[in-house]
Amino acid sequence: MNGVEKAETALRDLPALGLHTSVLDMSRFIQMVFANGRSGDQQVLQPATLAAMLRPQNAAVELDQGFHVGLGWLLSGFGPFDIQGAGAVAHHAGATLLFRSQLIILPAQKLGVVVLANSASAHKVVKTVATETLKLALAAKTGIKQPEQNIPADSPNGLPPTALQSYEGHYATTLGLVTIKNKSGSLRAEALHRTWRLVPRLDGLLRVQYKLLGLISIHLGDLDHIGLSRTTLAGRELLIAHQGTQAVLIGEKITPTPVSGVWQQRVGAYAIVNSHIPHTAIRPTHIHRSSVTR
């Protein structure tokens, strides 16, 4: 970390975290999965148990949309994990204060990749190396190649007034509070202390656009391939992200309520007093005023 060798921080007795391993051990784990739970002459897991691990356990949860999880596995192919034509994609990442890792397998093709890095800043690297390597291995073994990701063109027409009105409001999202406003017939989203444009695409979805100083369009990487839509499900107004064949719930419209007087009194700067405890990140803490809360 910052060029200095560090000892791994002790982790609590949690069901996740704390598995220290190597790529060779994890490769043997992948082989066990592909062998229906068998490793050498030992049956580590029963085939039925392994099948349940790789089967979506939340398929009946409407609000989860296309975000599927098994038992210990993520089964959603959203983003870089959208590998087409190869069957189910199962993956799981790992992270501590000092390490990052990514495991991804294609059970139907018996292909898997694990990447480990001794760097806390390698989250994107391990994910990119793992997914791109798996795509190359899939093409080499089966001839299945991934289609080019073409970003749909922008629509020459703006959204109708009813659609503009339906998007307006406050949303609780994975990024925190997002506020969408109608500005002279176009949508603006306020999030992460920035203002983003929501531009209609020809496929009916909205593209996220950011302009530096309001003039220069900035390339947003993977975000450029994501389209947004709005839907109502189970009485909830939802914001959905789409990429390829996947759709994932990312936000829900909420009704803002005033911050209570009790919390308003807590606004101010705070200092941590137990700074003598090892491995504690010490930094000034501030509580800021906000006009809305959930």
C-alpha atoms as a PDB file:
ATOM      1  CA  MET A   1       0.000   0.000   0.000  1.00  0.00           C
ATOM      2  CA  ASN A   2       1.608   3.255  -1.197  1.00  0.00           C
ATOM      3  CA  GLY A   3       4.836   1.338  -1.758  1.00  0.00           C
ATOM      4  CA  VAL A   4       5.037  -0.038   1.774  1.00  0.00           C
ATOM      5  CA  GLU A   5       4.491  -3.704   2.682  1.00  0.00           C
ATOM      6  CA  LYS A   6       1.528  -4.089   5.040  1.00  0.00           C
ATOM      7  CA  ALA A   7       0.174  -6.905   7.172  1.00  0.00           C
ATOM      8  CA  GLU A   8      -3.380  -7.993   6.424  1.00  0.00           C
ATOM      9  CA  THR A   9      -5.897  -6.580   8.878  1.00  0.00           C
ATOM     10  CA  ALA A  10      -7.615  -9.161  11.070  1.00  0.00           C
ATOM     11  CA  LEU A  11     -11.269  -9.669  10.130  1.00  0.00           C
ATOM     12  CA  ARG A  12     -14.145 -10.477  12.435  1.00  0.00           C
ATOM     13  CA  ASP A  13     -16.041 -13.775  12.605  1.00  0.00           C
ATOM     14  CA  LEU A  14     -18.222 -13.050   9.602  1.00  0.00           C
ATOM     15  CA  PRO A  15     -19.672 -15.637   7.187  1.00  0.00           C
ATOM     16  CA  ALA A  16     -18.006 -13.715   4.358  1.00  0.00           C
ATOM     17  CA  LEU A  17     -14.431 -12.413   4.256  1.00  0.00           C
ATOM     18  CA  GLY A  18     -11.306 -14.044   5.583  1.00  0.00           C
ATOM     19  CA  LEU A  19     -10.665 -16.703   2.896  1.00  0.00           C
ATOM     20  CA  HIS A  20      -6.975 -16.407   2.029  1.00  0.00           C
ATOM     21  CA  THR A  21      -6.115 -18.562  -0.956  1.00  0.00           C
ATOM     22  CA  SER A  22      -4.101 -18.854  -4.164  1.00  0.00           C
ATOM     23  CA  VAL A  23      -4.965 -19.112  -7.840  1.00  0.00           C
ATOM     24  CA  LEU A  24      -3.929 -22.794  -7.776  1.00  0.00           C
ATOM     25  CA  ASP A  25      -6.322 -23.584  -4.916  1.00  0.00           C
ATOM     26  CA  MET A  26      -9.111 -21.638  -6.602  1.00  0.00           C
ATOM     27  CA  SER A  27      -8.469 -23.446  -9.886  1.00  0.00           C
ATOM     28  CA  ARG A  28      -8.990 -26.745  -8.044  1.00  0.00           C
ATOM     29  CA  PHE A  29     -12.208 -25.311  -6.612  1.00  0.00           C
ATOM     30  CA  ILE A  30     -13.374 -24.484 -10.152  1.00  0.00           C
ATOM     31  CA  GLN A  31     -12.528 -28.021 -11.280  1.00  0.00           C
ATOM     32  CA  MET A  32     -14.607 -29.390  -8.399  1.00  0.00           C
ATOM     33  CA  VAL A  33     -17.577 -27.277  -9.521  1.00  0.00           C
ATOM     34  CA  PHE A  34     -17.249 -28.556 -13.099  1.00  0.00           C
ATOM     35  CA  ALA A  35     -17.008 -32.161 -11.821  1.00  0.00           C
ATOM     36  CA  ASN A  36     -20.422 -32.003 -10.089  1.00  0.00           C
ATOM     37  CA  GLY A  37     -18.897 -31.525  -6.670  1.00  0.00           C
ATOM     38  CA  ARG A  38     -16.162 -34.132  -6.958  1.00  0.00           C
ATOM     39  CA  SER A  39     -12.451 -33.473  -6.376  1.00  0.00           C
ATOM     40  CA  GLY A  40     -10.140 -36.414  -6.989  1.00  0.00           C
ATOM     41  CA  ASP A  41     -11.670 -39.404  -5.189  1.00  0.00           C
ATOM     42  CA  GLN A  42     -13.733 -37.276  -2.789  1.00  0.00           C
ATOM     43  CA  GLN A  43     -17.305 -36.058  -3.223  1.00  0.00           C
ATOM     44  CA  VAL A  44     -16.979 -32.588  -1.647  1.00  0.00           C
ATOM     45  CA  LEU A  45     -20.505 -31.451  -2.539  1.00  0.00           C
ATOM     46  CA  GLN A  46     -23.518 -33.446  -3.660  1.00  0.00           C
ATOM     47  CA  PRO A  47     -24.541 -32.741  -7.278  1.00  0.00           C
ATOM     48  CA  ALA A  48     -27.976 -31.548  -6.115  1.00  0.00           C
ATOM     49  CA  THR A  49     -26.351 -29.080  -3.722  1.00  0.00           C
ATOM     50  CA  LEU A  50     -24.054 -27.753  -6.424  1.00  0.00           C
ATOM     51  CA  ALA A  51     -26.979 -27.385  -8.821  1.00  0.00           C
ATOM     52  CA  ALA A  52     -28.853 -25.327  -6.200  1.00  0.00           C
ATOM     53  CA  MET A  53     -25.821 -23.083  -5.758  1.00  0.00           C
ATOM     54  CA  LEU A  54     -25.843 -22.252  -9.476  1.00  0.00           C
ATOM     55  CA  ARG A  55     -29.632 -21.867  -9.755  1.00  0.00           C
ATOM     56  CA  PRO A  56     -31.279 -18.421  -9.291  1.00  0.00           C
ATOM     57  CA  GLN A  57     -32.747 -18.332  -5.792  1.00  0.00           C
ATOM     58  CA  ASN A  58     -34.591 -15.022  -6.215  1.00  0.00           C
ATOM     59  CA  ALA A  59     -36.372 -15.568  -9.528  1.00  0.00           C
ATOM     60  CA  ALA A  60     -39.748 -14.969  -7.848  1.00  0.00           C
ATOM     61  CA  VAL A  61     -38.708 -11.563  -6.462  1.00  0.00           C
ATOM     62  CA  GLU A  62     -40.173  -9.102  -8.968  1.00  0.00           C
ATOM     63  CA  LEU A  63     -38.195  -6.110  -7.725  1.00  0.00           C
ATOM     64  CA  ASP A  64     -34.874  -7.871  -8.381  1.00  0.00           C
ATOM     65  CA  GLN A  65     -35.591  -7.706 -12.129  1.00  0.00           C
ATOM     66  CA  GLY A  66     -32.689  -9.427 -13.923  1.00  0.00           C
ATOM     67  CA  PHE A  67     -30.332  -9.391 -10.937  1.00  0.00           C
ATOM     68  CA  HIS A  68     -30.136 -13.104 -10.087  1.00  0.00           C
ATOM     69  CA  VAL A  69     -28.203 -14.687  -7.261  1.00  0.00           C
ATOM     70  CA  GLY A  70     -27.544 -18.310  -6.405  1.00  0.00           C
ATOM     71  CA  LEU A  71     -26.076 -19.680  -3.182  1.00  0.00           C
ATOM     72  CA  GLY A  72     -22.734 -17.949  -2.878  1.00  0.00           C
ATOM     73  CA  TRP A  73     -22.739 -16.957  -6.554  1.00  0.00           C
ATOM     74  CA  LEU A  74     -23.873 -13.893  -8.464  1.00  0.00           C
ATOM     75  CA  LEU A  75     -25.671 -15.006 -11.620  1.00  0.00           C
ATOM     76  CA  SER A  76     -26.458 -11.633 -13.143  1.00  0.00           C
ATOM     77  CA  GLY A  77     -24.712 -10.974 -16.432  1.00  0.00           C
ATOM     78  CA  PHE A  78     -24.935  -7.194 -16.147  1.00  0.00           C
ATOM     79  CA  GLY A  79     -22.039  -5.069 -17.386  1.00  0.00           C
ATOM     80  CA  PRO A  80     -18.787  -6.895 -18.171  1.00  0.00           C
ATOM     81  CA  PHE A  81     -20.382 -10.178 -17.052  1.00  0.00           C
ATOM     82  CA  ASP A  82     -22.832 -10.091 -19.965  1.00  0.00           C
ATOM     83  CA  ILE A  83     -21.248 -12.975 -21.893  1.00  0.00           C
ATOM     84  CA  GLN A  84     -23.667 -14.097 -24.584  1.00  0.00           C
ATOM     85  CA  GLY A  85     -24.163 -17.501 -26.149  1.00  0.00           C
ATOM     86  CA  ALA A  86     -22.368 -19.423 -23.394  1.00  0.00           C
ATOM     87  CA  GLY A  87     -25.152 -20.252 -20.950  1.00  0.00           C
ATOM     88  CA  ALA A  88     -25.153 -19.200 -17.318  1.00  0.00           C
ATOM     89  CA  VAL A  89     -22.428 -16.865 -16.038  1.00  0.00           C
ATOM     90  CA  ALA A  90     -21.525 -17.269 -12.357  1.00  0.00           C
ATOM     91  CA  HIS A  91     -19.119 -14.977 -10.571  1.00  0.00           C
ATOM     92  CA  HIS A  92     -17.985 -13.651  -7.220  1.00  0.00           C
ATOM     93  CA  ALA A  93     -15.524 -10.935  -6.261  1.00  0.00           C
ATOM     94  CA  GLY A  94     -13.347 -10.640  -3.200  1.00  0.00           C
ATOM     95  CA  ALA A  95     -11.895  -7.663  -1.367  1.00  0.00           C
ATOM     96  CA  THR A  96     -10.088  -6.770   1.827  1.00  0.00           C
ATOM     97  CA  LEU A  97      -8.222  -3.612   2.764  1.00  0.00           C
ATOM     98  CA  LEU A  98      -5.201  -4.819   0.788  1.00  0.00           C
ATOM     99  CA  PHE A  99      -6.382  -7.270  -1.882  1.00  0.00           C
ATOM    100  CA  ARG A 100      -8.869  -7.570  -4.747  1.00  0.00           C
ATOM    101  CA  SER A 101      -9.994 -10.689  -6.618  1.00  0.00           C
ATOM    102  CA  GLN A 102     -12.459 -11.909  -9.242  1.00  0.00           C
ATOM    103  CA  LEU A 103     -13.743 -15.417  -9.943  1.00  0.00           C
ATOM    104  CA  ILE A 104     -15.969 -16.088 -12.957  1.00  0.00           C
ATOM    105  CA  ILE A 105     -17.087 -19.363 -14.562  1.00  0.00           C
ATOM    106  CA  LEU A 106     -19.189 -20.661 -17.451  1.00  0.00           C
ATOM    107  CA  PRO A 107     -20.531 -23.982 -16.072  1.00  0.00           C
ATOM    108  CA  ALA A 108     -22.021 -25.156 -19.378  1.00  0.00           C
ATOM    109  CA  GLN A 109     -18.696 -24.633 -21.158  1.00  0.00           C
ATOM    110  CA  LYS A 110     -16.514 -25.792 -18.250  1.00  0.00           C
ATOM    111  CA  LEU A 111     -14.452 -22.631 -18.460  1.00  0.00           C
ATOM    112  CA  GLY A 112     -13.370 -20.513 -15.523  1.00  0.00           C
ATOM    113  CA  VAL A 113     -10.923 -17.755 -14.607  1.00  0.00           C
ATOM    114  CA  VAL A 114      -9.705 -16.439 -11.265  1.00  0.00           C
ATOM    115  CA  VAL A 115      -7.568 -13.311 -10.886  1.00  0.00           C
ATOM    116  CA  LEU A 116      -6.000 -12.181  -7.591  1.00  0.00           C
ATOM    117  CA  ALA A 117      -4.156  -8.920  -6.943  1.00  0.00           C
ATOM    118  CA  ASN A 118      -2.262  -7.688  -3.910  1.00  0.00           C
ATOM    119  CA  SER A 119      -3.518  -4.151  -4.391  1.00  0.00           C
ATOM    120  CA  ALA A 120      -6.502  -2.362  -2.928  1.00  0.00           C
ATOM    121  CA  SER A 121      -6.860  -0.325  -6.119  1.00  0.00           C
ATOM    122  CA  ALA A 122      -7.111  -3.316  -8.478  1.00  0.00           C
ATOM    123  CA  HIS A 123     -10.913  -3.739  -8.409  1.00  0.00           C
ATOM    124  CA  LYS A 124     -11.413  -2.775 -12.059  1.00  0.00           C
ATOM    125  CA  VAL A 125      -8.239  -4.534 -13.190  1.00  0.00           C
ATOM    126  CA  VAL A 126      -9.108  -7.972 -11.793  1.00  0.00           C
ATOM    127  CA  LYS A 127     -12.643  -7.746 -13.186  1.00  0.00           C
ATOM    128  CA  THR A 128     -11.484  -6.666 -16.648  1.00  0.00           C
ATOM    129  CA  VAL A 129      -8.682  -9.241 -16.880  1.00  0.00           C
ATOM    130  CA  ALA A 130     -10.986 -12.057 -15.704  1.00  0.00           C
ATOM    131  CA  THR A 131     -13.892 -11.289 -18.032  1.00  0.00           C
ATOM    132  CA  GLU A 132     -11.806 -10.528 -21.120  1.00  0.00           C
ATOM    133  CA  THR A 133      -9.695 -13.658 -20.606  1.00  0.00           C
ATOM    134  CA  LEU A 134     -12.832 -15.772 -20.275  1.00  0.00           C
ATOM    135  CA  LYS A 135     -14.265 -14.334 -23.484  1.00  0.00           C
ATOM    136  CA  LEU A 136     -11.046 -15.183 -25.332  1.00  0.00           C
ATOM    137  CA  ALA A 137     -11.040 -18.705 -23.869  1.00  0.00           C
ATOM    138  CA  LEU A 138     -14.674 -19.165 -24.901  1.00  0.00           C
ATOM    139  CA  ALA A 139     -13.884 -18.115 -28.472  1.00  0.00           C
ATOM    140  CA  ALA A 140     -10.836 -20.404 -28.617  1.00  0.00           C
ATOM    141  CA  LYS A 141     -12.706 -23.438 -27.275  1.00  0.00           C
ATOM    142  CA  THR A 142     -16.098 -23.094 -28.939  1.00  0.00           C
ATOM    143  CA  GLY A 143     -15.790 -20.409 -31.611  1.00  0.00           C
ATOM    144  CA  ILE A 144     -18.402 -18.304 -29.782  1.00  0.00           C
ATOM    145  CA  LYS A 145     -17.421 -14.655 -30.099  1.00  0.00           C
ATOM    146  CA  GLN A 146     -19.066 -11.725 -28.400  1.00  0.00           C
ATOM    147  CA  PRO A 147     -20.966  -9.232 -30.564  1.00  0.00           C
ATOM    148  CA  GLU A 148     -19.671  -5.705 -30.764  1.00  0.00           C
ATOM    149  CA  GLN A 149     -21.310  -3.358 -28.316  1.00  0.00           C
ATOM    150  CA  ASN A 150     -22.880  -0.616 -30.363  1.00  0.00           C
ATOM    151  CA  ILE A 151     -24.313   2.343 -28.518  1.00  0.00           C
ATOM    152  CA  PRO A 152     -27.783   3.197 -29.894  1.00  0.00           C
ATOM    153  CA  ALA A 153     -27.978   6.596 -31.547  1.00  0.00           C
ATOM    154  CA  ASP A 154     -29.687   9.496 -29.840  1.00  0.00           C
ATOM    155  CA  SER A 155     -33.257  10.252 -30.802  1.00  0.00           C
ATOM    156  CA  PRO A 156     -33.784  13.505 -32.722  1.00  0.00           C
ATOM    157  CA  ASN A 157     -36.969  13.997 -30.746  1.00  0.00           C
ATOM    158  CA  GLY A 158     -37.291  14.924 -27.105  1.00  0.00           C
ATOM    159  CA  LEU A 159     -39.513  13.186 -24.583  1.00  0.00           C
ATOM    160  CA  PRO A 160     -43.216  14.056 -24.533  1.00  0.00           C
ATOM    161  CA  PRO A 161     -44.417  16.178 -21.581  1.00  0.00           C
ATOM    162  CA  THR A 162     -46.046  13.170 -19.869  1.00  0.00           C
ATOM    163  CA  ALA A 163     -42.759  11.248 -19.906  1.00  0.00           C
ATOM    164  CA  LEU A 164     -40.816  14.252 -18.626  1.00  0.00           C
ATOM    165  CA  GLN A 165     -43.242  14.587 -15.744  1.00  0.00           C
ATOM    166  CA  SER A 166     -43.103  10.872 -14.893  1.00  0.00           C
ATOM    167  CA  TYR A 167     -39.305  10.927 -14.515  1.00  0.00           C
ATOM    168  CA  GLU A 168     -39.193  14.019 -12.315  1.00  0.00           C
ATOM    169  CA  GLY A 169     -38.607  13.421  -8.626  1.00  0.00           C
ATOM    170  CA  HIS A 170     -36.253  12.088  -5.988  1.00  0.00           C
ATOM    171  CA  TYR A 171     -34.846   8.544  -6.208  1.00  0.00           C
ATOM    172  CA  ALA A 172     -33.117   6.403  -3.613  1.00  0.00           C
ATOM    173  CA  THR A 173     -30.395   4.626  -5.612  1.00  0.00           C
ATOM    174  CA  THR A 174     -27.226   2.609  -5.176  1.00  0.00           C
ATOM    175  CA  LEU A 175     -25.350   5.907  -5.650  1.00  0.00           C
ATOM    176  CA  GLY A 176     -27.330   7.722  -2.976  1.00  0.00           C
ATOM    177  CA  LEU A 177     -30.018  10.313  -3.539  1.00  0.00           C
ATOM    178  CA  VAL A 178     -30.624  11.201  -7.202  1.00  0.00           C
ATOM    179  CA  THR A 179     -32.901  14.070  -8.181  1.00  0.00           C
ATOM    180  CA  ILE A 180     -34.267  14.224 -11.736  1.00  0.00           C
ATOM    181  CA  LYS A 181     -35.605  17.556 -12.993  1.00  0.00           C
ATOM    182  CA  ASN A 182     -37.204  18.824 -16.185  1.00  0.00           C
ATOM    183  CA  LYS A 183     -35.106  21.688 -17.538  1.00  0.00           C
ATOM    184  CA  SER A 184     -36.731  23.370 -20.531  1.00  0.00           C
ATOM    185  CA  GLY A 185     -37.983  20.111 -22.025  1.00  0.00           C
ATOM    186  CA  SER A 186     -34.965  17.926 -21.203  1.00  0.00           C
ATOM    187  CA  LEU A 187     -34.027  15.877 -18.155  1.00  0.00           C
ATOM    188  CA  ARG A 188     -31.190  16.593 -15.738  1.00  0.00           C
ATOM    189  CA  ALA A 189     -30.109  14.256 -12.951  1.00  0.00           C
ATOM    190  CA  GLU A 190     -28.348  15.631  -9.882  1.00  0.00           C
ATOM    191  CA  ALA A 191     -26.118  12.958  -8.337  1.00  0.00           C
ATOM    192  CA  LEU A 192     -22.632  12.675  -6.832  1.00  0.00           C
ATOM    193  CA  HIS A 193     -22.452  16.478  -6.605  1.00  0.00           C
ATOM    194  CA  ARG A 194     -22.722  16.783 -10.388  1.00  0.00           C
ATOM    195  CA  THR A 195     -25.425  17.425 -12.956  1.00  0.00           C
ATOM    196  CA  TRP A 196     -25.908  14.772 -15.649  1.00  0.00           C
ATOM    197  CA  ARG A 197     -27.994  14.956 -18.810  1.00  0.00           C
ATOM    198  CA  LEU A 198     -30.458  12.172 -19.620  1.00  0.00           C
ATOM    199  CA  VAL A 199     -30.679  12.006 -23.405  1.00  0.00           C
ATOM    200  CA  PRO A 200     -33.382   9.972 -25.229  1.00  0.00           C
ATOM    201  CA  ARG A 201     -32.058   7.156 -27.468  1.00  0.00           C
ATOM    202  CA  LEU A 202     -33.673   5.620 -30.528  1.00  0.00           C
ATOM    203  CA  ASP A 203     -34.349   2.418 -28.568  1.00  0.00           C
ATOM    204  CA  GLY A 204     -36.571   4.307 -26.113  1.00  0.00           C
ATOM    205  CA  LEU A 205     -34.055   4.345 -23.264  1.00  0.00           C
ATOM    206  CA  LEU A 206     -32.183   7.297 -21.778  1.00  0.00           C
ATOM    207  CA  ARG A 207     -28.429   7.784 -22.145  1.00  0.00           C
ATOM    208  CA  VAL A 208     -26.398   9.330 -19.341  1.00  0.00           C
ATOM    209  CA  GLN A 209     -24.272  12.218 -20.572  1.00  0.00           C
ATOM    210  CA  TYR A 210     -21.861  14.492 -18.733  1.00  0.00           C
ATOM    211  CA  LYS A 211     -20.471  17.724 -20.150  1.00  0.00           C
ATOM    212  CA  LEU A 212     -17.465  19.376 -18.593  1.00  0.00           C
ATOM    213  CA  LEU A 213     -18.333  22.996 -17.857  1.00  0.00           C
ATOM    214  CA  GLY A 214     -21.581  22.247 -19.653  1.00  0.00           C
ATOM    215  CA  LEU A 215     -19.775  22.261 -23.013  1.00  0.00           C
ATOM    216  CA  ILE A 216     -17.448  19.272 -23.550  1.00  0.00           C
ATOM    217  CA  SER A 217     -18.900  15.749 -23.580  1.00  0.00           C
ATOM    218  CA  ILE A 218     -16.894  13.329 -21.435  1.00  0.00           C
ATOM    219  CA  HIS A 219     -16.487   9.622 -22.269  1.00  0.00           C
ATOM    220  CA  LEU A 220     -18.022   7.657 -19.377  1.00  0.00           C
ATOM    221  CA  GLY A 221     -16.627   4.197 -20.122  1.00  0.00           C
ATOM    222  CA  ASP A 222     -19.047   1.367 -19.302  1.00  0.00           C
ATOM    223  CA  LEU A 223     -21.703   3.925 -18.398  1.00  0.00           C
ATOM    224  CA  ASP A 224     -21.957   4.920 -22.068  1.00  0.00           C
ATOM    225  CA  HIS A 225     -23.470   1.490 -22.840  1.00  0.00           C
ATOM    226  CA  ILE A 226     -26.140   1.675 -20.140  1.00  0.00           C
ATOM    227  CA  GLY A 227     -29.675   2.844 -20.896  1.00  0.00           C
ATOM    228  CA  LEU A 228     -32.196   3.963 -18.304  1.00  0.00           C
ATOM    229  CA  SER A 229     -35.931   3.499 -18.151  1.00  0.00           C
ATOM    230  CA  ARG A 230     -38.738   3.965 -15.672  1.00  0.00           C
ATOM    231  CA  THR A 231     -41.462   1.505 -14.707  1.00  0.00           C
ATOM    232  CA  THR A 232     -44.085   0.921 -12.038  1.00  0.00           C
ATOM    233  CA  LEU A 233     -44.015  -2.442 -10.298  1.00  0.00           C
ATOM    234  CA  ALA A 234     -45.841  -3.636  -7.188  1.00  0.00           C
ATOM    235  CA  GLY A 235     -46.967  -0.069  -6.534  1.00  0.00           C
ATOM    236  CA  ARG A 236     -43.405   1.285  -6.668  1.00  0.00           C
ATOM    237  CA  GLU A 237     -41.964   3.721  -9.214  1.00  0.00           C
ATOM    238  CA  LEU A 238     -38.615   2.296 -10.255  1.00  0.00           C
ATOM    239  CA  LEU A 239     -35.546   3.376 -12.210  1.00  0.00           C
ATOM    240  CA  ILE A 240     -34.095   0.509 -14.285  1.00  0.00           C
ATOM    241  CA  ALA A 241     -30.649   0.200 -15.907  1.00  0.00           C
ATOM    242  CA  HIS A 242     -30.336  -1.828 -19.135  1.00  0.00           C
ATOM    243  CA  GLN A 243     -27.240  -3.251 -20.796  1.00  0.00           C
ATOM    244  CA  GLY A 244     -27.385  -5.906 -23.454  1.00  0.00           C
ATOM    245  CA  THR A 245     -30.006  -8.450 -22.428  1.00  0.00           C
ATOM    246  CA  GLN A 246     -29.840  -7.541 -18.725  1.00  0.00           C
ATOM    247  CA  ALA A 247     -32.033  -5.201 -16.683  1.00  0.00           C
ATOM    248  CA  VAL A 248     -31.242  -4.227 -13.096  1.00  0.00           C
ATOM    249  CA  LEU A 249     -33.164  -2.136 -10.577  1.00  0.00           C
ATOM    250  CA  ILE A 250     -31.023   0.837  -9.513  1.00  0.00           C
ATOM    251  CA  GLY A 251     -33.470   3.237  -7.864  1.00  0.00           C
ATOM    252  CA  GLU A 252     -36.910   3.853  -6.424  1.00  0.00           C
ATOM    253  CA  LYS A 253     -38.805   7.133  -6.401  1.00  0.00           C
ATOM    254  CA  ILE A 254     -39.339   8.444  -2.894  1.00  0.00           C
ATOM    255  CA  THR A 255     -41.386  11.206  -1.331  1.00  0.00           C
ATOM    256  CA  PRO A 256     -39.111  13.745   0.382  1.00  0.00           C
ATOM    257  CA  THR A 257     -39.839  14.585   3.993  1.00  0.00           C
ATOM    258  CA  PRO A 258     -38.282  17.343   6.109  1.00  0.00           C
ATOM    259  CA  VAL A 259     -35.303  16.465   8.273  1.00  0.00           C
ATOM    260  CA  SER A 260     -36.429  16.330  11.887  1.00  0.00           C
ATOM    261  CA  GLY A 261     -35.330  18.936  14.386  1.00  0.00           C
ATOM    262  CA  VAL A 262     -33.495  16.250  16.370  1.00  0.00           C
ATOM    263  CA  TRP A 263     -31.260  15.455  13.394  1.00  0.00           C
ATOM    264  CA  GLN A 264     -30.840  19.120  12.514  1.00  0.00           C
ATOM    265  CA  GLN A 265     -29.275  19.605  15.946  1.00  0.00           C
ATOM    266  CA  ARG A 266     -26.665  16.982  15.088  1.00  0.00           C
ATOM    267  CA  VAL A 267     -25.281  19.002  12.170  1.00  0.00           C
ATOM    268  CA  GLY A 268     -21.638  19.928  12.699  1.00  0.00           C
ATOM    269  CA  ALA A 269     -18.043  18.690  12.719  1.00  0.00           C
ATOM    270  CA  TYR A 270     -17.036  15.654  14.779  1.00  0.00           C
ATOM    271  CA  ALA A 271     -13.642  14.276  15.831  1.00  0.00           C
ATOM    272  CA  ILE A 272     -12.988  10.569  16.484  1.00  0.00           C
ATOM    273  CA  VAL A 273     -11.803  10.048  20.061  1.00  0.00           C
ATOM    274  CA  ASN A 274     -10.621   6.425  19.874  1.00  0.00           C
ATOM    275  CA  SER A 275      -7.774   7.134  17.476  1.00  0.00           C
ATOM    276  CA  HIS A 276      -5.435   4.945  19.527  1.00  0.00           C
ATOM    277  CA  ILE A 277      -7.163   1.762  18.280  1.00  0.00           C
ATOM    278  CA  PRO A 278      -5.035   0.028  15.601  1.00  0.00           C
ATOM    279  CA  HIS A 279      -6.284  -0.196  12.004  1.00  0.00           C
ATOM    280  CA  THR A 280      -8.886   2.515  12.520  1.00  0.00           C
ATOM    281  CA  ALA A 281      -9.167   5.013   9.695  1.00  0.00           C
ATOM    282  CA  ILE A 282      -9.060   8.416  11.362  1.00  0.00           C
ATOM    283  CA  ARG A 283     -10.360  11.406   9.562  1.00  0.00           C
ATOM    284  CA  PRO A 284     -12.565  14.403  10.411  1.00  0.00           C
ATOM    285  CA  THR A 285     -16.238  13.608  10.174  1.00  0.00           C
ATOM    286  CA  HIS A 286     -18.947  16.047   9.150  1.00  0.00           C
ATOM    287  CA  ILE A 287     -22.735  15.848   9.135  1.00  0.00           C
ATOM    288  CA  HIS A 288     -24.241  18.157   6.526  1.00  0.00           C
ATOM    289  CA  ARG A 289     -27.711  19.595   6.150  1.00  0.00           C
ATOM    290  CA  SER A 290     -29.950  18.083   3.522  1.00  0.00           C
ATOM    291  CA  SER A 291     -33.381  19.075   2.296  1.00  0.00           C
ATOM    292  CA  VAL A 292     -34.640  15.501   2.028  1.00  0.00           C
ATOM    293  CA  THR A 293     -34.240  12.180   3.760  1.00  0.00           C
ATOM    294  CA  ARG A 294     -35.732   8.764   3.320  1.00  0.00           C
END
